[in-house]
Amino acid sequence: MSFHWLVLLAAIAVEIIATAALKSVVSASWLVGILPLLLIGLSFALLSVALRVIPMAVAYAVWEGLGIVGIAAAGHVLFGEHLTSGRMVALAAILAGIVLIEAGVGHGSEEEDEALPSEGRHV
């Protein structure tokens, strides 16, 4: 696994922690309430590093999709939120969408490639 994929996974982990922290500090002082915001900023910074190499459609889909699945799992484990069968199907659909997006990026047909302007392309 490349460095940029590890950075993307770190961004996802920080996003999940930030969201769980946000729910935890709802009634805390404003100073403690800043922590989730700082973590979300860190998550975006890590995402921006991953975007240097990973295509945007893939990186964002993975970041948000795995983040949603991770947040649902964290809500279930940490806060006792229910994961109904309908929610499980929806989370599986999100994961399937991530796989489909990753499989489709950069795999266009040659006809699509020829339709692109040739400026800046090495021939």
PDB file of N, CA and C in Angstrom:
ATOM      1  N   MET A   1       0.851  -1.179   0.000  1.00  0.00           N
ATOM      2  CA  MET A   1       0.000   0.000   0.000  1.00  0.00           C
ATOM      3  C   MET A   1       0.891   1.235   0.000  1.00  0.00           C
ATOM      4  N   SER A   2       0.546   2.190  -0.861  1.00  0.00           N
ATOM      5  CA  SER A   2       1.388   3.372  -1.000  1.00  0.00           C
ATOM      6  C   SER A   2       1.189   4.345   0.168  1.00  0.00           C
ATOM      7  N   PHE A   3       2.124   5.258   0.275  1.00  0.00           N
ATOM      8  CA  PHE A   3       2.088   6.276   1.319  1.00  0.00           C
ATOM      9  C   PHE A   3       0.784   7.073   1.270  1.00  0.00           C
ATOM     10  N   HIS A   4       0.355   7.462   0.076  1.00  0.00           N
ATOM     11  CA  HIS A   4      -0.836   8.300  -0.041  1.00  0.00           C
ATOM     12  C   HIS A   4      -2.101   7.561   0.370  1.00  0.00           C
ATOM     13  N   TRP A   5      -2.162   6.253   0.145  1.00  0.00           N
ATOM     14  CA  TRP A   5      -3.309   5.481   0.618  1.00  0.00           C
ATOM     15  C   TRP A   5      -3.300   5.387   2.139  1.00  0.00           C
ATOM     16  N   LEU A   6      -2.124   5.270   2.738  1.00  0.00           N
ATOM     17  CA  LEU A   6      -2.036   5.257   4.203  1.00  0.00           C
ATOM     18  C   LEU A   6      -2.469   6.604   4.780  1.00  0.00           C
ATOM     19  N   VAL A   7      -2.091   7.681   4.105  1.00  0.00           N
ATOM     20  CA  VAL A   7      -2.517   9.018   4.539  1.00  0.00           C
ATOM     21  C   VAL A   7      -4.027   9.143   4.434  1.00  0.00           C
ATOM     22  N   LEU A   8      -4.616   8.617   3.364  1.00  0.00           N
ATOM     23  CA  LEU A   8      -6.072   8.646   3.211  1.00  0.00           C
ATOM     24  C   LEU A   8      -6.759   7.855   4.324  1.00  0.00           C
ATOM     25  N   LEU A   9      -6.220   6.696   4.653  1.00  0.00           N
ATOM     26  CA  LEU A   9      -6.782   5.908   5.757  1.00  0.00           C
ATOM     27  C   LEU A   9      -6.657   6.654   7.087  1.00  0.00           C
ATOM     28  N   ALA A  10      -5.550   7.365   7.274  1.00  0.00           N
ATOM     29  CA  ALA A  10      -5.388   8.176   8.486  1.00  0.00           C
ATOM     30  C   ALA A  10      -6.421   9.301   8.519  1.00  0.00           C
ATOM     31  N   ALA A  11      -6.684   9.923   7.363  1.00  0.00           N
ATOM     32  CA  ALA A  11      -7.701  10.979   7.290  1.00  0.00           C
ATOM     33  C   ALA A  11      -9.068  10.435   7.684  1.00  0.00           C
ATOM     34  N   ILE A  12      -9.371   9.220   7.240  1.00  0.00           N
ATOM     35  CA  ILE A  12     -10.649   8.591   7.575  1.00  0.00           C
ATOM     36  C   ILE A  12     -10.727   8.321   9.071  1.00  0.00           C
ATOM     37  N   ALA A  13      -9.660   7.780   9.644  1.00  0.00           N
ATOM     38  CA  ALA A  13      -9.644   7.483  11.083  1.00  0.00           C
ATOM     39  C   ALA A  13      -9.822   8.761  11.895  1.00  0.00           C
ATOM     40  N   VAL A  14      -9.147   9.835  11.502  1.00  0.00           N
ATOM     41  CA  VAL A  14      -9.269  11.107  12.220  1.00  0.00           C
ATOM     42  C   VAL A  14     -10.685  11.657  12.093  1.00  0.00           C
ATOM     43  N   GLU A  15     -11.298  11.517  10.903  1.00  0.00           N
ATOM     44  CA  GLU A  15     -12.675  11.976  10.723  1.00  0.00           C
ATOM     45  C   GLU A  15     -13.630  11.223  11.644  1.00  0.00           C
ATOM     46  N   ILE A  16     -13.456   9.911  11.763  1.00  0.00           N
ATOM     47  CA  ILE A  16     -14.321   9.104  12.635  1.00  0.00           C
ATOM     48  C   ILE A  16     -14.140   9.531  14.093  1.00  0.00           C
ATOM     49  N   ILE A  17     -12.912   9.713  14.514  1.00  0.00           N
ATOM     50  CA  ILE A  17     -12.629  10.153  15.888  1.00  0.00           C
ATOM     51  C   ILE A  17     -13.223  11.539  16.129  1.00  0.00           C
ATOM     52  N   ALA A  18     -13.076  12.435  15.147  1.00  0.00           N
ATOM     53  CA  ALA A  18     -13.600  13.800  15.294  1.00  0.00           C
ATOM     54  C   ALA A  18     -15.117  13.794  15.444  1.00  0.00           C
ATOM     55  N   THR A  19     -15.790  12.979  14.661  1.00  0.00           N
ATOM     56  CA  THR A  19     -17.250  12.931  14.735  1.00  0.00           C
ATOM     57  C   THR A  19     -17.719  12.332  16.054  1.00  0.00           C
ATOM     58  N   ALA A  20     -17.040  11.269  16.506  1.00  0.00           N
ATOM     59  CA  ALA A  20     -17.378  10.697  17.811  1.00  0.00           C
ATOM     60  C   ALA A  20     -17.109  11.706  18.924  1.00  0.00           C
ATOM     61  N   ALA A  21     -16.013  12.446  18.798  1.00  0.00           N
ATOM     62  CA  ALA A  21     -15.692  13.471  19.801  1.00  0.00           C
ATOM     63  C   ALA A  21     -16.732  14.586  19.774  1.00  0.00           C
ATOM     64  N   LEU A  22     -17.212  14.920  18.582  1.00  0.00           N
ATOM     65  CA  LEU A  22     -18.220  15.972  18.466  1.00  0.00           C
ATOM     66  C   LEU A  22     -19.485  15.598  19.239  1.00  0.00           C
ATOM     67  N   LYS A  23     -19.894  14.338  19.133  1.00  0.00           N
ATOM     68  CA  LYS A  23     -21.077  13.893  19.877  1.00  0.00           C
ATOM     69  C   LYS A  23     -20.782  13.869  21.387  1.00  0.00           C
ATOM     70  N   SER A  24     -19.562  13.532  21.743  1.00  0.00           N
ATOM     71  CA  SER A  24     -19.202  13.424  23.160  1.00  0.00           C
ATOM     72  C   SER A  24     -19.120  14.770  23.863  1.00  0.00           C
ATOM     73  N   VAL A  25     -18.767  15.830  23.142  1.00  0.00           N
ATOM     74  CA  VAL A  25     -18.517  17.127  23.785  1.00  0.00           C
ATOM     75  C   VAL A  25     -19.665  18.113  23.610  1.00  0.00           C
ATOM     76  N   VAL A  26     -20.835  17.619  23.258  1.00  0.00           N
ATOM     77  CA  VAL A  26     -21.973  18.507  23.014  1.00  0.00           C
ATOM     78  C   VAL A  26     -22.234  19.419  24.208  1.00  0.00           C
ATOM     79  N   SER A  27     -22.165  18.894  25.402  1.00  0.00           N
ATOM     80  CA  SER A  27     -22.458  19.718  26.579  1.00  0.00           C
ATOM     81  C   SER A  27     -21.193  20.152  27.323  1.00  0.00           C
ATOM     82  N   ALA A  28     -20.031  19.983  26.705  1.00  0.00           N
ATOM     83  CA  ALA A  28     -18.770  20.368  27.347  1.00  0.00           C
ATOM     84  C   ALA A  28     -18.520  21.863  27.133  1.00  0.00           C
ATOM     85  N   SER A  29     -17.465  22.354  27.764  1.00  0.00           N
ATOM     86  CA  SER A  29     -17.105  23.763  27.607  1.00  0.00           C
ATOM     87  C   SER A  29     -16.675  24.027  26.162  1.00  0.00           C
ATOM     88  N   TRP A  30     -16.680  25.293  25.768  1.00  0.00           N
ATOM     89  CA  TRP A  30     -16.331  25.656  24.398  1.00  0.00           C
ATOM     90  C   TRP A  30     -14.895  25.276  24.078  1.00  0.00           C
ATOM     91  N   LEU A  31     -14.029  25.274  25.091  1.00  0.00           N
ATOM     92  CA  LEU A  31     -12.623  24.949  24.848  1.00  0.00           C
ATOM     93  C   LEU A  31     -12.473  23.479  24.432  1.00  0.00           C
ATOM     94  N   VAL A  32     -13.193  22.608  25.109  1.00  0.00           N
ATOM     95  CA  VAL A  32     -13.168  21.187  24.745  1.00  0.00           C
ATOM     96  C   VAL A  32     -13.878  20.996  23.409  1.00  0.00           C
ATOM     97  N   GLY A  33     -14.888  21.806  23.143  1.00  0.00           N
ATOM     98  CA  GLY A  33     -15.638  21.711  21.901  1.00  0.00           C
ATOM     99  C   GLY A  33     -14.823  22.046  20.663  1.00  0.00           C
ATOM    100  N   ILE A  34     -13.701  22.693  20.835  1.00  0.00           N
ATOM    101  CA  ILE A  34     -12.825  23.030  19.711  1.00  0.00           C
ATOM    102  C   ILE A  34     -12.078  21.796  19.205  1.00  0.00           C
ATOM    103  N   LEU A  35     -11.844  20.818  20.057  1.00  0.00           N
ATOM    104  CA  LEU A  35     -11.077  19.627  19.674  1.00  0.00           C
ATOM    105  C   LEU A  35     -11.626  18.939  18.425  1.00  0.00           C
ATOM    106  N   PRO A  36     -12.932  18.658  18.342  1.00  0.00           N
ATOM    107  CA  PRO A  36     -13.427  18.023  17.115  1.00  0.00           C
ATOM    108  C   PRO A  36     -13.189  18.868  15.866  1.00  0.00           C
ATOM    109  N   LEU A  37     -13.299  20.183  16.000  1.00  0.00           N
ATOM    110  CA  LEU A  37     -13.059  21.049  14.854  1.00  0.00           C
ATOM    111  C   LEU A  37     -11.608  20.977  14.389  1.00  0.00           C
ATOM    112  N   LEU A  38     -10.683  20.921  15.332  1.00  0.00           N
ATOM    113  CA  LEU A  38      -9.272  20.773  14.983  1.00  0.00           C
ATOM    114  C   LEU A  38      -9.012  19.428  14.309  1.00  0.00           C
ATOM    115  N   LEU A  39      -9.664  18.392  14.810  1.00  0.00           N
ATOM    116  CA  LEU A  39      -9.498  17.072  14.207  1.00  0.00           C
ATOM    117  C   LEU A  39     -10.070  17.018  12.792  1.00  0.00           C
ATOM    118  N   ILE A  40     -11.199  17.664  12.574  1.00  0.00           N
ATOM    119  CA  ILE A  40     -11.777  17.711  11.233  1.00  0.00           C
ATOM    120  C   ILE A  40     -10.838  18.464  10.290  1.00  0.00           C
ATOM    121  N   GLY A  41     -10.244  19.533  10.773  1.00  0.00           N
ATOM    122  CA  GLY A  41      -9.248  20.258   9.974  1.00  0.00           C
ATOM    123  C   GLY A  41      -8.060  19.373   9.629  1.00  0.00           C
ATOM    124  N   LEU A  42      -7.603  18.584  10.594  1.00  0.00           N
ATOM    125  CA  LEU A  42      -6.506  17.646  10.341  1.00  0.00           C
ATOM    126  C   LEU A  42      -6.912  16.607   9.299  1.00  0.00           C
ATOM    127  N   SER A  43      -8.153  16.134   9.390  1.00  0.00           N
ATOM    128  CA  SER A  43      -8.636  15.162   8.419  1.00  0.00           C
ATOM    129  C   SER A  43      -8.612  15.751   7.000  1.00  0.00           C
ATOM    130  N   PHE A  44      -9.058  16.992   6.850  1.00  0.00           N
ATOM    131  CA  PHE A  44      -9.010  17.645   5.545  1.00  0.00           C
ATOM    132  C   PHE A  44      -7.572  17.833   5.067  1.00  0.00           C
ATOM    133  N   ALA A  45      -6.672  18.186   5.980  1.00  0.00           N
ATOM    134  CA  ALA A  45      -5.273  18.352   5.594  1.00  0.00           C
ATOM    135  C   ALA A  45      -4.684  17.028   5.100  1.00  0.00           C
ATOM    136  N   LEU A  46      -4.985  15.944   5.794  1.00  0.00           N
ATOM    137  CA  LEU A  46      -4.502  14.632   5.353  1.00  0.00           C
ATOM    138  C   LEU A  46      -5.124  14.249   4.005  1.00  0.00           C
ATOM    139  N   LEU A  47      -6.406  14.548   3.833  1.00  0.00           N
ATOM    140  CA  LEU A  47      -7.065  14.274   2.557  1.00  0.00           C
ATOM    141  C   LEU A  47      -6.374  15.036   1.431  1.00  0.00           C
ATOM    142  N   SER A  48      -5.993  16.269   1.678  1.00  0.00           N
ATOM    143  CA  SER A  48      -5.334  17.060   0.634  1.00  0.00           C
ATOM    144  C   SER A  48      -3.995  16.453   0.234  1.00  0.00           C
ATOM    145  N   VAL A  49      -3.299  15.828   1.170  1.00  0.00           N
ATOM    146  CA  VAL A  49      -2.044  15.144   0.838  1.00  0.00           C
ATOM    147  C   VAL A  49      -2.332  13.930  -0.036  1.00  0.00           C
ATOM    148  N   ALA A  50      -3.357  13.166   0.311  1.00  0.00           N
ATOM    149  CA  ALA A  50      -3.713  11.978  -0.472  1.00  0.00           C
ATOM    150  C   ALA A  50      -4.133  12.363  -1.886  1.00  0.00           C
ATOM    151  N   LEU A  51      -4.773  13.520  -2.044  1.00  0.00           N
ATOM    152  CA  LEU A  51      -5.253  13.959  -3.353  1.00  0.00           C
ATOM    153  C   LEU A  51      -4.118  14.284  -4.323  1.00  0.00           C
ATOM    154  N   ARG A  52      -2.907  14.385  -3.831  1.00  0.00           N
ATOM    155  CA  ARG A  52      -1.774  14.651  -4.721  1.00  0.00           C
ATOM    156  C   ARG A  52      -1.543  13.501  -5.689  1.00  0.00           C
ATOM    157  N   VAL A  53      -1.934  12.286  -5.295  1.00  0.00           N
ATOM    158  CA  VAL A  53      -1.686  11.107  -6.121  1.00  0.00           C
ATOM    159  C   VAL A  53      -2.974  10.362  -6.462  1.00  0.00           C
ATOM    160  N   ILE A  54      -3.857  10.224  -5.501  1.00  0.00           N
ATOM    161  CA  ILE A  54      -5.093   9.458  -5.702  1.00  0.00           C
ATOM    162  C   ILE A  54      -6.099  10.340  -6.440  1.00  0.00           C
ATOM    163  N   PRO A  55      -6.754   9.812  -7.485  1.00  0.00           N
ATOM    164  CA  PRO A  55      -7.762  10.613  -8.191  1.00  0.00           C
ATOM    165  C   PRO A  55      -8.844  11.117  -7.231  1.00  0.00           C
ATOM    166  N   MET A  56      -9.306  12.332  -7.472  1.00  0.00           N
ATOM    167  CA  MET A  56     -10.249  12.979  -6.567  1.00  0.00           C
ATOM    168  C   MET A  56     -11.520  12.156  -6.369  1.00  0.00           C
ATOM    169  N   ALA A  57     -12.087  11.619  -7.431  1.00  0.00           N
ATOM    170  CA  ALA A  57     -13.327  10.846  -7.301  1.00  0.00           C
ATOM    171  C   ALA A  57     -13.139   9.650  -6.387  1.00  0.00           C
ATOM    172  N   VAL A  58     -12.004   8.999  -6.504  1.00  0.00           N
ATOM    173  CA  VAL A  58     -11.724   7.821  -5.675  1.00  0.00           C
ATOM    174  C   VAL A  58     -11.453   8.239  -4.235  1.00  0.00           C
ATOM    175  N   ALA A  59     -10.572   9.210  -4.050  1.00  0.00           N
ATOM    176  CA  ALA A  59     -10.186   9.628  -2.701  1.00  0.00           C
ATOM    177  C   ALA A  59     -11.394  10.121  -1.908  1.00  0.00           C
ATOM    178  N   TYR A  60     -12.221  10.954  -2.531  1.00  0.00           N
ATOM    179  CA  TYR A  60     -13.367  11.500  -1.804  1.00  0.00           C
ATOM    180  C   TYR A  60     -14.397  10.416  -1.504  1.00  0.00           C
ATOM    181  N   ALA A  61     -14.629   9.532  -2.471  1.00  0.00           N
ATOM    182  CA  ALA A  61     -15.595   8.450  -2.244  1.00  0.00           C
ATOM    183  C   ALA A  61     -15.129   7.545  -1.112  1.00  0.00           C
ATOM    184  N   VAL A  62     -13.860   7.207  -1.101  1.00  0.00           N
ATOM    185  CA  VAL A  62     -13.317   6.350  -0.040  1.00  0.00           C
ATOM    186  C   VAL A  62     -13.361   7.079   1.294  1.00  0.00           C
ATOM    187  N   TRP A  63     -12.955   8.345   1.306  1.00  0.00           N
ATOM    188  CA  TRP A  63     -12.915   9.139   2.544  1.00  0.00           C
ATOM    189  C   TRP A  63     -14.313   9.264   3.157  1.00  0.00           C
ATOM    190  N   GLU A  64     -15.268   9.671   2.356  1.00  0.00           N
ATOM    191  CA  GLU A  64     -16.621   9.845   2.883  1.00  0.00           C
ATOM    192  C   GLU A  64     -17.305   8.506   3.150  1.00  0.00           C
ATOM    193  N   GLY A  65     -17.190   7.570   2.208  1.00  0.00           N
ATOM    194  CA  GLY A  65     -17.876   6.285   2.362  1.00  0.00           C
ATOM    195  C   GLY A  65     -17.396   5.497   3.558  1.00  0.00           C
ATOM    196  N   LEU A  66     -16.078   5.321   3.661  1.00  0.00           N
ATOM    197  CA  LEU A  66     -15.552   4.594   4.816  1.00  0.00           C
ATOM    198  C   LEU A  66     -15.762   5.386   6.099  1.00  0.00           C
ATOM    199  N   GLY A  67     -15.756   6.711   5.979  1.00  0.00           N
ATOM    200  CA  GLY A  67     -16.054   7.540   7.145  1.00  0.00           C
ATOM    201  C   GLY A  67     -17.470   7.308   7.650  1.00  0.00           C
ATOM    202  N   ILE A  68     -18.435   7.248   6.728  1.00  0.00           N
ATOM    203  CA  ILE A  68     -19.832   7.004   7.114  1.00  0.00           C
ATOM    204  C   ILE A  68     -19.974   5.629   7.758  1.00  0.00           C
ATOM    205  N   VAL A  69     -19.370   4.622   7.140  1.00  0.00           N
ATOM    206  CA  VAL A  69     -19.451   3.266   7.692  1.00  0.00           C
ATOM    207  C   VAL A  69     -18.779   3.223   9.070  1.00  0.00           C
ATOM    208  N   GLY A  70     -17.618   3.848   9.189  1.00  0.00           N
ATOM    209  CA  GLY A  70     -16.904   3.876  10.474  1.00  0.00           C
ATOM    210  C   GLY A  70     -17.665   4.634  11.548  1.00  0.00           C
ATOM    211  N   ILE A  71     -18.299   5.737  11.158  1.00  0.00           N
ATOM    212  CA  ILE A  71     -19.076   6.514  12.126  1.00  0.00           C
ATOM    213  C   ILE A  71     -20.302   5.729  12.581  1.00  0.00           C
ATOM    214  N   ALA A  72     -20.926   5.008  11.665  1.00  0.00           N
ATOM    215  CA  ALA A  72     -22.069   4.168  12.048  1.00  0.00           C
ATOM    216  C   ALA A  72     -21.629   3.089  13.034  1.00  0.00           C
ATOM    217  N   ALA A  73     -20.474   2.478  12.776  1.00  0.00           N
ATOM    218  CA  ALA A  73     -19.953   1.458  13.687  1.00  0.00           C
ATOM    219  C   ALA A  73     -19.588   2.068  15.035  1.00  0.00           C
ATOM    220  N   ALA A  74     -18.948   3.234  15.015  1.00  0.00           N
ATOM    221  CA  ALA A  74     -18.582   3.900  16.271  1.00  0.00           C
ATOM    222  C   ALA A  74     -19.829   4.292  17.058  1.00  0.00           C
ATOM    223  N   GLY A  75     -20.854   4.780  16.374  1.00  0.00           N
ATOM    224  CA  GLY A  75     -22.107   5.126  17.052  1.00  0.00           C
ATOM    225  C   GLY A  75     -22.743   3.917  17.707  1.00  0.00           C
ATOM    226  N   HIS A  76     -22.660   2.780  17.037  1.00  0.00           N
ATOM    227  CA  HIS A  76     -23.222   1.546  17.593  1.00  0.00           C
ATOM    228  C   HIS A  76     -22.432   1.103  18.826  1.00  0.00           C
ATOM    229  N   VAL A  77     -21.111   1.098  18.709  1.00  0.00           N
ATOM    230  CA  VAL A  77     -20.258   0.597  19.796  1.00  0.00           C
ATOM    231  C   VAL A  77     -20.193   1.581  20.964  1.00  0.00           C
ATOM    232  N   LEU A  78     -19.994   2.867  20.671  1.00  0.00           N
ATOM    233  CA  LEU A  78     -19.750   3.843  21.733  1.00  0.00           C
ATOM    234  C   LEU A  78     -21.021   4.437  22.331  1.00  0.00           C
ATOM    235  N   PHE A  79     -22.064   4.590  21.507  1.00  0.00           N
ATOM    236  CA  PHE A  79     -23.240   5.310  21.976  1.00  0.00           C
ATOM    237  C   PHE A  79     -24.511   4.470  21.949  1.00  0.00           C
ATOM    238  N   GLY A  80     -24.392   3.196  21.619  1.00  0.00           N
ATOM    239  CA  GLY A  80     -25.538   2.303  21.624  1.00  0.00           C
ATOM    240  C   GLY A  80     -26.570   2.594  20.547  1.00  0.00           C
ATOM    241  N   GLU A  81     -26.159   3.248  19.478  1.00  0.00           N
ATOM    242  CA  GLU A  81     -27.074   3.536  18.384  1.00  0.00           C
ATOM    243  C   GLU A  81     -27.361   2.237  17.628  1.00  0.00           C
ATOM    244  N   HIS A  82     -28.588   2.078  17.188  1.00  0.00           N
ATOM    245  CA  HIS A  82     -29.016   0.819  16.571  1.00  0.00           C
ATOM    246  C   HIS A  82     -28.576   0.730  15.113  1.00  0.00           C
ATOM    247  N   LEU A  83     -28.081  -0.444  14.744  1.00  0.00           N
ATOM    248  CA  LEU A  83     -27.787  -0.753  13.349  1.00  0.00           C
ATOM    249  C   LEU A  83     -28.837  -1.754  12.883  1.00  0.00           C
ATOM    250  N   THR A  84     -29.906  -1.241  12.337  1.00  0.00           N
ATOM    251  CA  THR A  84     -30.980  -2.104  11.856  1.00  0.00           C
ATOM    252  C   THR A  84     -30.543  -2.792  10.563  1.00  0.00           C
ATOM    253  N   SER A  85     -31.318  -3.752  10.140  1.00  0.00           N
ATOM    254  CA  SER A  85     -30.979  -4.447   8.893  1.00  0.00           C
ATOM    255  C   SER A  85     -31.035  -3.489   7.708  1.00  0.00           C
ATOM    256  N   GLY A  86     -31.953  -2.554   7.723  1.00  0.00           N
ATOM    257  CA  GLY A  86     -32.023  -1.551   6.657  1.00  0.00           C
ATOM    258  C   GLY A  86     -30.778  -0.682   6.610  1.00  0.00           C
ATOM    259  N   ARG A  87     -30.297  -0.280   7.766  1.00  0.00           N
ATOM    260  CA  ARG A  87     -29.071   0.523   7.821  1.00  0.00           C
ATOM    261  C   ARG A  87     -27.866  -0.297   7.375  1.00  0.00           C
ATOM    262  N   MET A  88     -27.842  -1.558   7.729  1.00  0.00           N
ATOM    263  CA  MET A  88     -26.739  -2.429   7.298  1.00  0.00           C
ATOM    264  C   MET A  88     -26.719  -2.557   5.772  1.00  0.00           C
ATOM    265  N   VAL A  89     -27.897  -2.693   5.171  1.00  0.00           N
ATOM    266  CA  VAL A  89     -27.988  -2.773   3.704  1.00  0.00           C
ATOM    267  C   VAL A  89     -27.502  -1.458   3.087  1.00  0.00           C
ATOM    268  N   ALA A  90     -27.891  -0.346   3.671  1.00  0.00           N
ATOM    269  CA  ALA A  90     -27.462   0.955   3.161  1.00  0.00           C
ATOM    270  C   ALA A  90     -25.946   1.108   3.259  1.00  0.00           C
ATOM    271  N   LEU A  91     -25.358   0.680   4.373  1.00  0.00           N
ATOM    272  CA  LEU A  91     -23.907   0.757   4.530  1.00  0.00           C
ATOM    273  C   LEU A  91     -23.204  -0.156   3.527  1.00  0.00           C
ATOM    274  N   ALA A  92     -23.770  -1.328   3.272  1.00  0.00           N
ATOM    275  CA  ALA A  92     -23.212  -2.231   2.263  1.00  0.00           C
ATOM    276  C   ALA A  92     -23.285  -1.590   0.877  1.00  0.00           C
ATOM    277  N   ALA A  93     -24.368  -0.861   0.606  1.00  0.00           N
ATOM    278  CA  ALA A  93     -24.500  -0.175  -0.679  1.00  0.00           C
ATOM    279  C   ALA A  93     -23.440   0.916  -0.826  1.00  0.00           C
ATOM    280  N   ILE A  94     -23.141   1.606   0.257  1.00  0.00           N
ATOM    281  CA  ILE A  94     -22.081   2.621   0.235  1.00  0.00           C
ATOM    282  C   ILE A  94     -20.751   1.959  -0.109  1.00  0.00           C
ATOM    283  N   LEU A  95     -20.449   0.857   0.554  1.00  0.00           N
ATOM    284  CA  LEU A  95     -19.198   0.145   0.270  1.00  0.00           C
ATOM    285  C   LEU A  95     -19.154  -0.341  -1.176  1.00  0.00           C
ATOM    286  N   ALA A  96     -20.276  -0.838  -1.679  1.00  0.00           N
ATOM    287  CA  ALA A  96     -20.332  -1.287  -3.073  1.00  0.00           C
ATOM    288  C   ALA A  96     -20.097  -0.106  -4.020  1.00  0.00           C
ATOM    289  N   GLY A  97     -20.647   1.041  -3.695  1.00  0.00           N
ATOM    290  CA  GLY A  97     -20.433   2.232  -4.508  1.00  0.00           C
ATOM    291  C   GLY A  97     -18.977   2.646  -4.551  1.00  0.00           C
ATOM    292  N   ILE A  98     -18.297   2.548  -3.417  1.00  0.00           N
ATOM    293  CA  ILE A  98     -16.872   2.880  -3.367  1.00  0.00           C
ATOM    294  C   ILE A  98     -16.096   1.958  -4.308  1.00  0.00           C
ATOM    295  N   VAL A  99     -16.388   0.677  -4.250  1.00  0.00           N
ATOM    296  CA  VAL A  99     -15.697  -0.290  -5.106  1.00  0.00           C
ATOM    297  C   VAL A  99     -15.964   0.022  -6.575  1.00  0.00           C
ATOM    298  N   LEU A 100     -17.204   0.327  -6.923  1.00  0.00           N
ATOM    299  CA  LEU A 100     -17.543   0.626  -8.311  1.00  0.00           C
ATOM    300  C   LEU A 100     -16.864   1.902  -8.799  1.00  0.00           C
ATOM    301  N   ILE A 101     -16.811   2.917  -7.962  1.00  0.00           N
ATOM    302  CA  ILE A 101     -16.137   4.159  -8.353  1.00  0.00           C
ATOM    303  C   ILE A 101     -14.646   3.913  -8.546  1.00  0.00           C
ATOM    304  N   GLU A 102     -14.033   3.201  -7.632  1.00  0.00           N
ATOM    305  CA  GLU A 102     -12.595   2.925  -7.745  1.00  0.00           C
ATOM    306  C   GLU A 102     -12.306   2.104  -8.989  1.00  0.00           C
ATOM    307  N   ALA A 103     -13.159   1.164  -9.300  1.00  0.00           N
ATOM    308  CA  ALA A 103     -12.946   0.311 -10.469  1.00  0.00           C
ATOM    309  C   ALA A 103     -13.131   1.081 -11.766  1.00  0.00           C
ATOM    310  N   GLY A 104     -13.938   2.133 -11.758  1.00  0.00           N
ATOM    311  CA  GLY A 104     -14.225   2.866 -12.983  1.00  0.00           C
ATOM    312  C   GLY A 104     -13.318   4.036 -13.272  1.00  0.00           C
ATOM    313  N   VAL A 105     -12.584   4.532 -12.287  1.00  0.00           N
ATOM    314  CA  VAL A 105     -11.742   5.707 -12.498  1.00  0.00           C
ATOM    315  C   VAL A 105     -10.483   5.296 -13.243  1.00  0.00           C
ATOM    316  N   GLY A 106     -10.185   6.033 -14.314  1.00  0.00           N
ATOM    317  CA  GLY A 106      -8.972   5.779 -15.076  1.00  0.00           C
ATOM    318  C   GLY A 106      -9.067   4.574 -15.989  1.00  0.00           C
ATOM    319  N   HIS A 107     -10.256   4.030 -16.162  1.00  0.00           N
ATOM    320  CA  HIS A 107     -10.421   2.857 -17.002  1.00  0.00           C
ATOM    321  C   HIS A 107     -11.379   3.140 -18.151  1.00  0.00           C
ATOM    322  N   GLY A 108     -11.352   4.393 -18.663  1.00  0.00           N
ATOM    323  CA  GLY A 108     -12.242   4.757 -19.756  1.00  0.00           C
ATOM    324  C   GLY A 108     -11.822   4.092 -21.054  1.00  0.00           C
ATOM    325  N   SER A 109     -12.704   4.124 -22.008  1.00  0.00           N
ATOM    326  CA  SER A 109     -12.406   3.519 -23.297  1.00  0.00           C
ATOM    327  C   SER A 109     -11.455   4.414 -24.080  1.00  0.00           C
ATOM    328  N   GLU A 110     -10.841   3.851 -25.101  1.00  0.00           N
ATOM    329  CA  GLU A 110      -9.931   4.620 -25.937  1.00  0.00           C
ATOM    330  C   GLU A 110     -10.684   5.712 -26.679  1.00  0.00           C
ATOM    331  N   GLU A 111     -11.961   5.464 -27.029  1.00  0.00           N
ATOM    332  CA  GLU A 111     -12.764   6.477 -27.700  1.00  0.00           C
ATOM    333  C   GLU A 111     -12.930   7.704 -26.818  1.00  0.00           C
ATOM    334  N   GLU A 112     -13.134   7.493 -25.512  1.00  0.00           N
ATOM    335  CA  GLU A 112     -13.263   8.618 -24.588  1.00  0.00           C
ATOM    336  C   GLU A 112     -11.953   9.373 -24.510  1.00  0.00           C
ATOM    337  N   ASP A 113     -10.818   8.646 -24.488  1.00  0.00           N
ATOM    338  CA  ASP A 113      -9.510   9.288 -24.405  1.00  0.00           C
ATOM    339  C   ASP A 113      -9.241  10.133 -25.645  1.00  0.00           C
ATOM    340  N   GLU A 114      -9.666   9.651 -26.840  1.00  0.00           N
ATOM    341  CA  GLU A 114      -9.448  10.392 -28.072  1.00  0.00           C
ATOM    342  C   GLU A 114     -10.302  11.645 -28.118  1.00  0.00           C
ATOM    343  N   ALA A 115     -11.424  11.650 -27.439  1.00  0.00           N
ATOM    344  CA  ALA A 115     -12.309  12.810 -27.436  1.00  0.00           C
ATOM    345  C   ALA A 115     -11.759  13.939 -26.579  1.00  0.00           C
ATOM    346  N   LEU A 116     -10.807  13.639 -25.698  1.00  0.00           N
ATOM    347  CA  LEU A 116     -10.224  14.661 -24.844  1.00  0.00           C
ATOM    348  C   LEU A 116      -9.284  15.542 -25.653  1.00  0.00           C
ATOM    349  N   PRO A 117      -9.204  16.833 -25.321  1.00  0.00           N
ATOM    350  CA  PRO A 117      -8.256  17.690 -26.030  1.00  0.00           C
ATOM    351  C   PRO A 117      -6.832  17.195 -25.787  1.00  0.00           C
ATOM    352  N   SER A 118      -6.006  17.325 -26.807  1.00  0.00           N
ATOM    353  CA  SER A 118      -4.646  16.790 -26.713  1.00  0.00           C
ATOM    354  C   SER A 118      -3.663  17.776 -26.102  1.00  0.00           C
ATOM    355  N   GLU A 119      -4.128  18.970 -25.726  1.00  0.00           N
ATOM    356  CA  GLU A 119      -3.232  19.953 -25.131  1.00  0.00           C
ATOM    357  C   GLU A 119      -2.662  19.415 -23.829  1.00  0.00           C
ATOM    358  N   GLY A 120      -1.366  19.525 -23.686  1.00  0.00           N
ATOM    359  CA  GLY A 120      -0.711  19.111 -22.461  1.00  0.00           C
ATOM    360  C   GLY A 120      -0.483  17.613 -22.335  1.00  0.00           C
ATOM    361  N   ARG A 121      -0.961  16.849 -23.329  1.00  0.00           N
ATOM    362  CA  ARG A 121      -0.769  15.397 -23.282  1.00  0.00           C
ATOM    363  C   ARG A 121       0.478  15.046 -24.066  1.00  0.00           C
ATOM    364  N   HIS A 122       1.190  14.064 -23.585  1.00  0.00           N
ATOM    365  CA  HIS A 122       2.370  13.578 -24.290  1.00  0.00           C
ATOM    366  C   HIS A 122       1.926  12.499 -25.268  1.00  0.00           C
ATOM    367  N   VAL A 123       2.297  12.687 -26.494  1.00  0.00           N
ATOM    368  CA  VAL A 123       1.894  11.725 -27.526  1.00  0.00           C
ATOM    369  C   VAL A 123       3.059  10.865 -27.931  1.00  0.00           C
TER     370      VAL A 123
END
